[in-house]
Amino acid sequence: MKYRMNYFKKLPALTFFMLLAVLMLAACSGGGEKANSGGDGEGAGEEETYKLRFNSQVPPSVEGSPTYIAQEVFADMVEERTNGRVEIEIFYNNQLAGQAESLDALARGTIDLQFSPPIAWADKIPEGNWSSMPYAWKSEEHVLHLLRETEFGELYDQALEEYGVKTLHYYFSAGAGYLSNAPIAKPEDLKGKVVNSLGLANEFYKATGSGLASIPFADYYEGLLRGTIDVVMFPYYSLETMKLSEVVDYISVPGVNNPSIGIVAVSLKTWEKLPKDLQDIIQEVSLEIEQMGVPASKAFTERGIEYGKEQGVEVIEMSDEDYQEFVEISKETYWAKFAEMSDRTKKMVEIVEENLDWE
């Protein structure tokens, strides 16, 4: 530092302040705030620290829940494994960027990390529609097999990276199935019922003879209470967290999305600024977090169902035959429309079909 200070003293005042301004602007640029704590000379860069801003669409999570593991545990493990060289600060309820704006903010490097379901970005990355494919997998292990052991996950990763975003890890937010005011055991039970739906799912419900509505998640309680909607496809744990057990009489199992899926993604601009050793540590932690999320997701599925039973909600168990009928309608509607979007989505659907009976 003495050498640098002596050097600056030799500069004309105007030149010195111009150089100082440039350095300050560089320090304030987006894409992960970086601070050098290692001094000068050989090995200085080894102690650089990176402060990453993590934008989350959800509020702080219950300890032990799938979202808690995907966010808070992930951030703590990264900081610990990197010996404090990477610090992650979580901003809840989309404080840094709204859900609609989060993808572009991530791609620009305005934010560094984002917690989001792929379907939320499907208007700009159509491949993200995969995450809401009805009846496409039967368990956390099944979908993890698709994502990590087949080309399916690679195809989605390609689409994200073309937009300037990289997947770090997937999270499984428990099973989501029908919550209703009438028993839903087979497709014909949906006929005449008003179902909350959007996007490609509309084709699926039209084929069952359902009426369609589109209301925000936050309005589900009132909509079910007043009869504006008869059925929602939503996580079972919402019976407890949103008190939906007070306004529905039935839930159907297995779920439509079993489990629901989300991702934690990083800006490629941020990622490329990180040294290789830190990238390797973060990827290692991410894979561990996925494995930790599997039992947590299963536990929260069971917790939601058991809570419903305790509150007097009846559990409707589909027969294998009726479940398969739901699968066939899904193939003819949602899956078919998804496959038509591009060569990439066509291949993704083919992989799902090839692995449909995976155990």
Foldseek 3Di string as FASTA:
>chain_A
DVVVVVVLVPDDPVVSVVVVVVVVVVQPDFQWRKDFDQDDDPPSVLQIATEAEEEEQADADDPLALVCLVPVVLQVQLCVVSVNRYHYDYDYNRPPHDLQCVLVCQQRRVHFKYWWQLVSCCVPQVLSLVLQQFLLAQALVLVVCLCPVDCLVVLSQVSSVVSQKGFQAKTWRAFWAKFFADDDQFLLVQADFEEEDDDLVVQLSVVSNHHYDHDDPLCVQVCLQVVVGGIYTGQLLCCPVVVSLVRTQETEPDHRRRTRMITMMGGNSNVVPDDPVSNVSSSVSRVVSSVSNRVSRHVSSVVSVVVSVVSNRYYHYHDPVRSVNSVVSSCVTSLVVQLVPDVSSVVSSVSSVVSSVPD
